[in-house]
Amino acid sequence: CAIMAEPFPDTGLAIAPLYDEPFVVAV
């Protein structure tokens, strides 16, 4: 199994969502 971020090509894998992660700006 693998933990990745969507999107990625449809490869016929089973997928379970884990979490939505917001982006922040580093300055």
mmCIF file of all heavy atoms, coordinates in Angstrom:
data_MODEL
# 
_entry.id   MODEL 
# 
loop_
_atom_site.group_PDB 
_atom_site.id 
_atom_site.type_symbol 
_atom_site.label_atom_id 
_atom_site.label_alt_id 
_atom_site.label_comp_id 
_atom_site.label_asym_id 
_atom_site.label_entity_id 
_atom_site.label_seq_id 
_atom_site.pdbx_PDB_ins_code 
_atom_site.Cartn_x 
_atom_site.Cartn_y 
_atom_site.Cartn_z 
_atom_site.occupancy 
_atom_site.B_iso_or_equiv 
_atom_site.pdbx_formal_charge 
_atom_site.auth_seq_id 
_atom_site.auth_comp_id 
_atom_site.auth_asym_id 
_atom_site.auth_atom_id 
_atom_site.pdbx_PDB_model_num 
ATOM 1   N N   . CYS A 1 1  ? 0.848   -1.180 0.000   1.00 0.00 ? 1  CYS A N   1 
ATOM 2   C CA  . CYS A 1 1  ? 0.000   0.000  0.000   1.00 0.00 ? 1  CYS A CA  1 
ATOM 3   C C   . CYS A 1 1  ? 0.888   1.234  0.000   1.00 0.00 ? 1  CYS A C   1 
ATOM 4   O O   . CYS A 1 1  ? 2.104   1.132  0.207   1.00 0.00 ? 1  CYS A O   1 
ATOM 5   C CB  . CYS A 1 1  ? -0.948  0.011  1.207   1.00 0.00 ? 1  CYS A CB  1 
ATOM 6   S SG  . CYS A 1 1  ? -0.103  -0.201 2.789   1.00 0.00 ? 1  CYS A SG  1 
ATOM 7   N N   . ALA A 1 2  ? 0.293   2.404  -0.228  1.00 0.00 ? 2  ALA A N   1 
ATOM 8   C CA  . ALA A 1 2  ? 1.077   3.638  -0.281  1.00 0.00 ? 2  ALA A CA  1 
ATOM 9   C C   . ALA A 1 2  ? 0.221   4.810  0.149   1.00 0.00 ? 2  ALA A C   1 
ATOM 10  O O   . ALA A 1 2  ? -0.986  4.843  -0.118  1.00 0.00 ? 2  ALA A O   1 
ATOM 11  C CB  . ALA A 1 2  ? 1.633   3.875  -1.686  1.00 0.00 ? 2  ALA A CB  1 
ATOM 12  N N   . ILE A 1 3  ? 0.851   5.761  0.817   1.00 0.00 ? 3  ILE A N   1 
ATOM 13  C CA  . ILE A 1 3  ? 0.201   7.013  1.202   1.00 0.00 ? 3  ILE A CA  1 
ATOM 14  C C   . ILE A 1 3  ? 0.693   8.094  0.250   1.00 0.00 ? 3  ILE A C   1 
ATOM 15  O O   . ILE A 1 3  ? 1.896   8.381  0.192   1.00 0.00 ? 3  ILE A O   1 
ATOM 16  C CB  . ILE A 1 3  ? 0.502   7.376  2.665   1.00 0.00 ? 3  ILE A CB  1 
ATOM 17  C CG1 . ILE A 1 3  ? -0.103  6.321  3.597   1.00 0.00 ? 3  ILE A CG1 1 
ATOM 18  C CG2 . ILE A 1 3  ? -0.040  8.761  3.005   1.00 0.00 ? 3  ILE A CG2 1 
ATOM 19  C CD1 . ILE A 1 3  ? 0.230   6.521  5.068   1.00 0.00 ? 3  ILE A CD1 1 
ATOM 20  N N   . MET A 1 4  ? -0.219  8.675  -0.513  1.00 0.00 ? 4  MET A N   1 
ATOM 21  C CA  . MET A 1 4  ? 0.124   9.646  -1.550  1.00 0.00 ? 4  MET A CA  1 
ATOM 22  C C   . MET A 1 4  ? -0.899  10.775 -1.542  1.00 0.00 ? 4  MET A C   1 
ATOM 23  O O   . MET A 1 4  ? -1.900  10.720 -0.821  1.00 0.00 ? 4  MET A O   1 
ATOM 24  C CB  . MET A 1 4  ? 0.144   8.959  -2.923  1.00 0.00 ? 4  MET A CB  1 
ATOM 25  C CG  . MET A 1 4  ? 1.135   7.811  -3.027  1.00 0.00 ? 4  MET A CG  1 
ATOM 26  S SD  . MET A 1 4  ? 1.063   6.931  -4.611  1.00 0.00 ? 4  MET A SD  1 
ATOM 27  C CE  . MET A 1 4  ? -0.518  6.080  -4.463  1.00 0.00 ? 4  MET A CE  1 
ATOM 28  N N   . ALA A 1 5  ? -0.632  11.775 -2.363  1.00 0.00 ? 5  ALA A N   1 
ATOM 29  C CA  . ALA A 1 5  ? -1.556  12.900 -2.495  1.00 0.00 ? 5  ALA A CA  1 
ATOM 30  C C   . ALA A 1 5  ? -2.202  12.853 -3.870  1.00 0.00 ? 5  ALA A C   1 
ATOM 31  O O   . ALA A 1 5  ? -1.541  12.625 -4.879  1.00 0.00 ? 5  ALA A O   1 
ATOM 32  C CB  . ALA A 1 5  ? -0.819  14.228 -2.296  1.00 0.00 ? 5  ALA A CB  1 
ATOM 33  N N   . GLU A 1 6  ? -3.501  13.051 -3.903  1.00 0.00 ? 6  GLU A N   1 
ATOM 34  C CA  . GLU A 1 6  ? -4.202  13.137 -5.189  1.00 0.00 ? 6  GLU A CA  1 
ATOM 35  C C   . GLU A 1 6  ? -3.935  14.492 -5.829  1.00 0.00 ? 6  GLU A C   1 
ATOM 36  O O   . GLU A 1 6  ? -3.626  15.466 -5.126  1.00 0.00 ? 6  GLU A O   1 
ATOM 37  C CB  . GLU A 1 6  ? -5.700  12.939 -4.970  1.00 0.00 ? 6  GLU A CB  1 
ATOM 38  C CG  . GLU A 1 6  ? -6.059  11.518 -4.590  1.00 0.00 ? 6  GLU A CG  1 
ATOM 39  C CD  . GLU A 1 6  ? -7.577  11.309 -4.497  1.00 0.00 ? 6  GLU A CD  1 
ATOM 40  O OE1 . GLU A 1 6  ? -8.272  12.233 -4.034  1.00 0.00 ? 6  GLU A OE1 1 
ATOM 41  O OE2 . GLU A 1 6  ? -8.047  10.234 -4.876  1.00 0.00 ? 6  GLU A OE2 1 
ATOM 42  N N   . PRO A 1 7  ? -4.042  14.582 -7.158  1.00 0.00 ? 7  PRO A N   1 
ATOM 43  C CA  . PRO A 1 7  ? -4.431  13.506 -8.078  1.00 0.00 ? 7  PRO A CA  1 
ATOM 44  C C   . PRO A 1 7  ? -3.222  12.708 -8.555  1.00 0.00 ? 7  PRO A C   1 
ATOM 45  O O   . PRO A 1 7  ? -2.098  13.186 -8.520  1.00 0.00 ? 7  PRO A O   1 
ATOM 46  C CB  . PRO A 1 7  ? -5.054  14.289 -9.229  1.00 0.00 ? 7  PRO A CB  1 
ATOM 47  C CG  . PRO A 1 7  ? -4.249  15.560 -9.276  1.00 0.00 ? 7  PRO A CG  1 
ATOM 48  C CD  . PRO A 1 7  ? -3.931  15.886 -7.846  1.00 0.00 ? 7  PRO A CD  1 
ATOM 49  N N   . PHE A 1 8  ? -3.490  11.485 -8.996  1.00 0.00 ? 8  PHE A N   1 
ATOM 50  C CA  . PHE A 1 8  ? -2.493  10.688 -9.692  1.00 0.00 ? 8  PHE A CA  1 
ATOM 51  C C   . PHE A 1 8  ? -3.232  9.805  -10.696 1.00 0.00 ? 8  PHE A C   1 
ATOM 52  O O   . PHE A 1 8  ? -4.456  9.658  -10.613 1.00 0.00 ? 8  PHE A O   1 
ATOM 53  C CB  . PHE A 1 8  ? -1.638  9.848  -8.725  1.00 0.00 ? 8  PHE A CB  1 
ATOM 54  C CG  . PHE A 1 8  ? -2.419  9.095  -7.681  1.00 0.00 ? 8  PHE A CG  1 
ATOM 55  C CD1 . PHE A 1 8  ? -3.036  7.887  -7.984  1.00 0.00 ? 8  PHE A CD1 1 
ATOM 56  C CD2 . PHE A 1 8  ? -2.528  9.595  -6.394  1.00 0.00 ? 8  PHE A CD2 1 
ATOM 57  C CE1 . PHE A 1 8  ? -3.738  7.195  -7.024  1.00 0.00 ? 8  PHE A CE1 1 
ATOM 58  C CE2 . PHE A 1 8  ? -3.243  8.901  -5.421  1.00 0.00 ? 8  PHE A CE2 1 
ATOM 59  C CZ  . PHE A 1 8  ? -3.848  7.697  -5.727  1.00 0.00 ? 8  PHE A CZ  1 
ATOM 60  N N   . PRO A 1 9  ? -2.529  9.236  -11.669 1.00 0.00 ? 9  PRO A N   1 
ATOM 61  C CA  . PRO A 1 9  ? -3.198  8.477  -12.737 1.00 0.00 ? 9  PRO A CA  1 
ATOM 62  C C   . PRO A 1 9  ? -4.059  7.349  -12.190 1.00 0.00 ? 9  PRO A C   1 
ATOM 63  O O   . PRO A 1 9  ? -3.707  6.705  -11.203 1.00 0.00 ? 9  PRO A O   1 
ATOM 64  C CB  . PRO A 1 9  ? -2.026  7.928  -13.571 1.00 0.00 ? 9  PRO A CB  1 
ATOM 65  C CG  . PRO A 1 9  ? -0.887  8.849  -13.281 1.00 0.00 ? 9  PRO A CG  1 
ATOM 66  C CD  . PRO A 1 9  ? -1.061  9.300  -11.865 1.00 0.00 ? 9  PRO A CD  1 
ATOM 67  N N   . ASP A 1 10 ? -5.192  7.117  -12.823 1.00 0.00 ? 10 ASP A N   1 
ATOM 68  C CA  . ASP A 1 10 ? -6.092  6.038  -12.433 1.00 0.00 ? 10 ASP A CA  1 
ATOM 69  C C   . ASP A 1 10 ? -5.457  4.709  -12.807 1.00 0.00 ? 10 ASP A C   1 
ATOM 70  O O   . ASP A 1 10 ? -5.315  4.377  -13.981 1.00 0.00 ? 10 ASP A O   1 
ATOM 71  C CB  . ASP A 1 10 ? -7.444  6.200  -13.136 1.00 0.00 ? 10 ASP A CB  1 
ATOM 72  C CG  . ASP A 1 10 ? -8.431  5.122  -12.712 1.00 0.00 ? 10 ASP A CG  1 
ATOM 73  O OD1 . ASP A 1 10 ? -8.098  4.348  -11.792 1.00 0.00 ? 10 ASP A OD1 1 
ATOM 74  O OD2 . ASP A 1 10 ? -9.525  5.061  -13.299 1.00 0.00 ? 10 ASP A OD2 1 
ATOM 75  N N   . THR A 1 11 ? -5.054  3.971  -11.804 1.00 0.00 ? 11 THR A N   1 
ATOM 76  C CA  . THR A 1 11 ? -4.387  2.686  -12.052 1.00 0.00 ? 11 THR A CA  1 
ATOM 77  C C   . THR A 1 11 ? -5.229  1.512  -11.581 1.00 0.00 ? 11 THR A C   1 
ATOM 78  O O   . THR A 1 11 ? -4.734  0.397  -11.463 1.00 0.00 ? 11 THR A O   1 
ATOM 79  C CB  . THR A 1 11 ? -3.029  2.651  -11.326 1.00 0.00 ? 11 THR A CB  1 
ATOM 80  O OG1 . THR A 1 11 ? -3.240  2.928  -9.932  1.00 0.00 ? 11 THR A OG1 1 
ATOM 81  C CG2 . THR A 1 11 ? -2.075  3.695  -11.902 1.00 0.00 ? 11 THR A CG2 1 
ATOM 82  N N   . GLY A 1 12 ? -6.503  1.755  -11.287 1.00 0.00 ? 12 GLY A N   1 
ATOM 83  C CA  . GLY A 1 12 ? -7.360  0.675  -10.826 1.00 0.00 ? 12 GLY A CA  1 
ATOM 84  C C   . GLY A 1 12 ? -7.123  0.280  -9.385  1.00 0.00 ? 12 GLY A C   1 
ATOM 85  O O   . GLY A 1 12 ? -7.555  -0.789 -8.948  1.00 0.00 ? 12 GLY A O   1 
ATOM 86  N N   . LEU A 1 13 ? -6.450  1.137  -8.614  1.00 0.00 ? 13 LEU A N   1 
ATOM 87  C CA  . LEU A 1 13 ? -6.172  0.834  -7.214  1.00 0.00 ? 13 LEU A CA  1 
ATOM 88  C C   . LEU A 1 13 ? -7.395  1.120  -6.348  1.00 0.00 ? 13 LEU A C   1 
ATOM 89  O O   . LEU A 1 13 ? -8.243  1.936  -6.690  1.00 0.00 ? 13 LEU A O   1 
ATOM 90  C CB  . LEU A 1 13 ? -4.996  1.677  -6.711  1.00 0.00 ? 13 LEU A CB  1 
ATOM 91  C CG  . LEU A 1 13 ? -3.638  1.443  -7.368  1.00 0.00 ? 13 LEU A CG  1 
ATOM 92  C CD1 . LEU A 1 13 ? -2.654  2.519  -6.942  1.00 0.00 ? 13 LEU A CD1 1 
ATOM 93  C CD2 . LEU A 1 13 ? -3.102  0.058  -7.008  1.00 0.00 ? 13 LEU A CD2 1 
ATOM 94  N N   . ALA A 1 14 ? -7.472  0.445  -5.211  1.00 0.00 ? 14 ALA A N   1 
ATOM 95  C CA  . ALA A 1 14 ? -8.453  0.805  -4.195  1.00 0.00 ? 14 ALA A CA  1 
ATOM 96  C C   . ALA A 1 14 ? -7.895  1.998  -3.424  1.00 0.00 ? 14 ALA A C   1 
ATOM 97  O O   . ALA A 1 14 ? -6.699  2.042  -3.122  1.00 0.00 ? 14 ALA A O   1 
ATOM 98  C CB  . ALA A 1 14 ? -8.695  -0.376 -3.254  1.00 0.00 ? 14 ALA A CB  1 
ATOM 99  N N   . ILE A 1 15 ? -8.755  2.966  -3.112  1.00 0.00 ? 15 ILE A N   1 
ATOM 100 C CA  . ILE A 1 15 ? -8.294  4.204  -2.484  1.00 0.00 ? 15 ILE A CA  1 
ATOM 101 C C   . ILE A 1 15 ? -9.203  4.566  -1.320  1.00 0.00 ? 15 ILE A C   1 
ATOM 102 O O   . ILE A 1 15 ? -10.436 4.514  -1.438  1.00 0.00 ? 15 ILE A O   1 
ATOM 103 C CB  . ILE A 1 15 ? -8.259  5.360  -3.507  1.00 0.00 ? 15 ILE A CB  1 
ATOM 104 C CG1 . ILE A 1 15 ? -7.204  5.078  -4.578  1.00 0.00 ? 15 ILE A CG1 1 
ATOM 105 C CG2 . ILE A 1 15 ? -7.984  6.699  -2.828  1.00 0.00 ? 15 ILE A CG2 1 
ATOM 106 C CD1 . ILE A 1 15 ? -7.204  6.080  -5.714  1.00 0.00 ? 15 ILE A CD1 1 
ATOM 107 N N   . ALA A 1 16 ? -8.594  4.929  -0.196  1.00 0.00 ? 16 ALA A N   1 
ATOM 108 C CA  . ALA A 1 16 ? -9.341  5.411  0.961   1.00 0.00 ? 16 ALA A CA  1 
ATOM 109 C C   . ALA A 1 16 ? -8.809  6.788  1.337   1.00 0.00 ? 16 ALA A C   1 
ATOM 110 O O   . ALA A 1 16 ? -7.596  6.951  1.535   1.00 0.00 ? 16 ALA A O   1 
ATOM 111 C CB  . ALA A 1 16 ? -9.181  4.453  2.135   1.00 0.00 ? 16 ALA A CB  1 
ATOM 112 N N   . PRO A 1 17 ? -9.660  7.806  1.417   1.00 0.00 ? 17 PRO A N   1 
ATOM 113 C CA  . PRO A 1 17 ? -9.194  9.139  1.812   1.00 0.00 ? 17 PRO A CA  1 
ATOM 114 C C   . PRO A 1 17 ? -8.776  9.154  3.275   1.00 0.00 ? 17 PRO A C   1 
ATOM 115 O O   . PRO A 1 17 ? -9.408  8.504  4.120   1.00 0.00 ? 17 PRO A O   1 
ATOM 116 C CB  . PRO A 1 17 ? -10.419 10.023 1.569   1.00 0.00 ? 17 PRO A CB  1 
ATOM 117 C CG  . PRO A 1 17 ? -11.586 9.101  1.668   1.00 0.00 ? 17 PRO A CG  1 
ATOM 118 C CD  . PRO A 1 17 ? -11.111 7.770  1.172   1.00 0.00 ? 17 PRO A CD  1 
ATOM 119 N N   . LEU A 1 18 ? -7.727  9.891  3.579   1.00 0.00 ? 18 LEU A N   1 
ATOM 120 C CA  . LEU A 1 18 ? -7.235  10.000 4.958   1.00 0.00 ? 18 LEU A CA  1 
ATOM 121 C C   . LEU A 1 18 ? -7.497  11.393 5.533   1.00 0.00 ? 18 LEU A C   1 
ATOM 122 O O   . LEU A 1 18 ? -8.114  11.532 6.574   1.00 0.00 ? 18 LEU A O   1 
ATOM 123 C CB  . LEU A 1 18 ? -5.736  9.684  5.014   1.00 0.00 ? 18 LEU A CB  1 
ATOM 124 C CG  . LEU A 1 18 ? -5.344  8.264  4.614   1.00 0.00 ? 18 LEU A CG  1 
ATOM 125 C CD1 . LEU A 1 18 ? -3.829  8.114  4.594   1.00 0.00 ? 18 LEU A CD1 1 
ATOM 126 C CD2 . LEU A 1 18 ? -5.970  7.241  5.553   1.00 0.00 ? 18 LEU A CD2 1 
ATOM 127 N N   . TYR A 1 19 ? -7.015  12.434 4.835   1.00 0.00 ? 19 TYR A N   1 
ATOM 128 C CA  . TYR A 1 19 ? -7.248  13.795 5.324   1.00 0.00 ? 19 TYR A CA  1 
ATOM 129 C C   . TYR A 1 19 ? -6.997  14.807 4.212   1.00 0.00 ? 19 TYR A C   1 
ATOM 130 O O   . TYR A 1 19 ? -6.303  14.523 3.239   1.00 0.00 ? 19 TYR A O   1 
ATOM 131 C CB  . TYR A 1 19 ? -6.355  14.118 6.528   1.00 0.00 ? 19 TYR A CB  1 
ATOM 132 C CG  . TYR A 1 19 ? -4.861  13.916 6.320   1.00 0.00 ? 19 TYR A CG  1 
ATOM 133 C CD1 . TYR A 1 19 ? -4.068  14.919 5.754   1.00 0.00 ? 19 TYR A CD1 1 
ATOM 134 C CD2 . TYR A 1 19 ? -4.233  12.741 6.710   1.00 0.00 ? 19 TYR A CD2 1 
ATOM 135 C CE1 . TYR A 1 19 ? -2.702  14.746 5.575   1.00 0.00 ? 19 TYR A CE1 1 
ATOM 136 C CE2 . TYR A 1 19 ? -2.871  12.560 6.540   1.00 0.00 ? 19 TYR A CE2 1 
ATOM 137 C CZ  . TYR A 1 19 ? -2.109  13.559 5.982   1.00 0.00 ? 19 TYR A CZ  1 
ATOM 138 O OH  . TYR A 1 19 ? -0.750  13.386 5.795   1.00 0.00 ? 19 TYR A OH  1 
ATOM 139 N N   . ASP A 1 20 ? -7.629  15.973 4.355   1.00 0.00 ? 20 ASP A N   1 
ATOM 140 C CA  . ASP A 1 20 ? -7.371  17.121 3.496   1.00 0.00 ? 20 ASP A CA  1 
ATOM 141 C C   . ASP A 1 20 ? -6.420  18.049 4.244   1.00 0.00 ? 20 ASP A C   1 
ATOM 142 O O   . ASP A 1 20 ? -6.693  18.417 5.401   1.00 0.00 ? 20 ASP A O   1 
ATOM 143 C CB  . ASP A 1 20 ? -8.664  17.869 3.158   1.00 0.00 ? 20 ASP A CB  1 
ATOM 144 C CG  . ASP A 1 20 ? -9.501  17.128 2.124   1.00 0.00 ? 20 ASP A CG  1 
ATOM 145 O OD1 . ASP A 1 20 ? -8.937  16.279 1.402   1.00 0.00 ? 20 ASP A OD1 1 
ATOM 146 O OD2 . ASP A 1 20 ? -10.713 17.393 2.048   1.00 0.00 ? 20 ASP A OD2 1 
ATOM 147 N N   . GLU A 1 21 ? -5.335  18.432 3.572   1.00 0.00 ? 21 GLU A N   1 
ATOM 148 C CA  . GLU A 1 21 ? -4.287  19.216 4.228   1.00 0.00 ? 21 GLU A CA  1 
ATOM 149 C C   . GLU A 1 21 ? -4.139  20.582 3.560   1.00 0.00 ? 21 GLU A C   1 
ATOM 150 O O   . GLU A 1 21 ? -3.812  20.665 2.378   1.00 0.00 ? 21 GLU A O   1 
ATOM 151 C CB  . GLU A 1 21 ? -2.955  18.453 4.146   1.00 0.00 ? 21 GLU A CB  1 
ATOM 152 C CG  . GLU A 1 21 ? -1.806  19.153 4.835   1.00 0.00 ? 21 GLU A CG  1 
ATOM 153 C CD  . GLU A 1 21 ? -0.525  18.325 4.796   1.00 0.00 ? 21 GLU A CD  1 
ATOM 154 O OE1 . GLU A 1 21 ? -0.417  17.430 3.921   1.00 0.00 ? 21 GLU A OE1 1 
ATOM 155 O OE2 . GLU A 1 21 ? 0.357   18.564 5.630   1.00 0.00 ? 21 GLU A OE2 1 
ATOM 156 N N   . PRO A 1 22 ? -4.399  21.665 4.290   1.00 0.00 ? 22 PRO A N   1 
ATOM 157 C CA  . PRO A 1 22 ? -4.248  22.994 3.690   1.00 0.00 ? 22 PRO A CA  1 
ATOM 158 C C   . PRO A 1 22 ? -2.783  23.363 3.485   1.00 0.00 ? 22 PRO A C   1 
ATOM 159 O O   . PRO A 1 22 ? -1.889  22.809 4.124   1.00 0.00 ? 22 PRO A O   1 
ATOM 160 C CB  . PRO A 1 22 ? -4.902  23.918 4.725   1.00 0.00 ? 22 PRO A CB  1 
ATOM 161 C CG  . PRO A 1 22 ? -4.780  23.184 6.014   1.00 0.00 ? 22 PRO A CG  1 
ATOM 162 C CD  . PRO A 1 22 ? -4.862  21.722 5.679   1.00 0.00 ? 22 PRO A CD  1 
ATOM 163 N N   . PHE A 1 23 ? -2.545  24.306 2.574   1.00 0.00 ? 23 PHE A N   1 
ATOM 164 C CA  . PHE A 1 23 ? -1.202  24.836 2.336   1.00 0.00 ? 23 PHE A CA  1 
ATOM 165 C C   . PHE A 1 23 ? -1.049  26.147 3.103   1.00 0.00 ? 23 PHE A C   1 
ATOM 166 O O   . PHE A 1 23 ? -2.022  26.870 3.337   1.00 0.00 ? 23 PHE A O   1 
ATOM 167 C CB  . PHE A 1 23 ? -0.971  25.106 0.854   1.00 0.00 ? 23 PHE A CB  1 
ATOM 168 C CG  . PHE A 1 23 ? -1.073  23.884 -0.027  1.00 0.00 ? 23 PHE A CG  1 
ATOM 169 C CD1 . PHE A 1 23 ? -1.277  24.018 -1.398  1.00 0.00 ? 23 PHE A CD1 1 
ATOM 170 C CD2 . PHE A 1 23 ? -0.971  22.606 0.498   1.00 0.00 ? 23 PHE A CD2 1 
ATOM 171 C CE1 . PHE A 1 23 ? -1.373  22.905 -2.217  1.00 0.00 ? 23 PHE A CE1 1 
ATOM 172 C CE2 . PHE A 1 23 ? -1.062  21.485 -0.308  1.00 0.00 ? 23 PHE A CE2 1 
ATOM 173 C CZ  . PHE A 1 23 ? -1.261  21.638 -1.668  1.00 0.00 ? 23 PHE A CZ  1 
ATOM 174 N N   . VAL A 1 24 ? 0.177   26.452 3.479   1.00 0.00 ? 24 VAL A N   1 
ATOM 175 C CA  . VAL A 1 24 ? 0.491   27.740 4.108   1.00 0.00 ? 24 VAL A CA  1 
ATOM 176 C C   . VAL A 1 24 ? 1.713   28.332 3.409   1.00 0.00 ? 24 VAL A C   1 
ATOM 177 O O   . VAL A 1 24 ? 2.462   27.624 2.729   1.00 0.00 ? 24 VAL A O   1 
ATOM 178 C CB  . VAL A 1 24 ? 0.751   27.599 5.623   1.00 0.00 ? 24 VAL A CB  1 
ATOM 179 C CG1 . VAL A 1 24 ? -0.468  27.064 6.337   1.00 0.00 ? 24 VAL A CG1 1 
ATOM 180 C CG2 . VAL A 1 24 ? 1.949   26.691 5.875   1.00 0.00 ? 24 VAL A CG2 1 
ATOM 181 N N   . VAL A 1 25 ? 1.916   29.623 3.605   1.00 0.00 ? 25 VAL A N   1 
ATOM 182 C CA  . VAL A 1 25 ? 3.038   30.330 2.982   1.00 0.00 ? 25 VAL A CA  1 
ATOM 183 C C   . VAL A 1 25 ? 4.144   30.499 4.014   1.00 0.00 ? 25 VAL A C   1 
ATOM 184 O O   . VAL A 1 25 ? 3.893   30.924 5.145   1.00 0.00 ? 25 VAL A O   1 
ATOM 185 C CB  . VAL A 1 25 ? 2.595   31.709 2.458   1.00 0.00 ? 25 VAL A CB  1 
ATOM 186 C CG1 . VAL A 1 25 ? 3.748   32.385 1.724   1.00 0.00 ? 25 VAL A CG1 1 
ATOM 187 C CG2 . VAL A 1 25 ? 1.389   31.573 1.535   1.00 0.00 ? 25 VAL A CG2 1 
ATOM 188 N N   . ALA A 1 26 ? 5.359   30.151 3.635   1.00 0.00 ? 26 ALA A N   1 
ATOM 189 C CA  . ALA A 1 26 ? 6.532   30.357 4.493   1.00 0.00 ? 26 ALA A CA  1 
ATOM 190 C C   . ALA A 1 26 ? 7.324   31.541 3.954   1.00 0.00 ? 26 ALA A C   1 
ATOM 191 O O   . ALA A 1 26 ? 7.692   31.558 2.771   1.00 0.00 ? 26 ALA A O   1 
ATOM 192 C CB  . ALA A 1 26 ? 7.409   29.107 4.518   1.00 0.00 ? 26 ALA A CB  1 
ATOM 193 N N   . VAL A 1 27 ? 7.553   32.539 4.794   1.00 0.00 ? 27 VAL A N   1 
ATOM 194 C CA  . VAL A 1 27 ? 8.259   33.754 4.373   1.00 0.00 ? 27 VAL A CA  1 
ATOM 195 C C   . VAL A 1 27 ? 9.356   34.073 5.388   1.00 0.00 ? 27 VAL A C   1 
ATOM 196 O O   . VAL A 1 27 ? 9.257   33.692 6.565   1.00 0.00 ? 27 VAL A O   1 
ATOM 197 C CB  . VAL A 1 27 ? 7.295   34.956 4.246   1.00 0.00 ? 27 VAL A CB  1 
ATOM 198 C CG1 . VAL A 1 27 ? 6.190   34.663 3.244   1.00 0.00 ? 27 VAL A CG1 1 
ATOM 199 C CG2 . VAL A 1 27 ? 6.684   35.308 5.600   1.00 0.00 ? 27 VAL A CG2 1 
# 
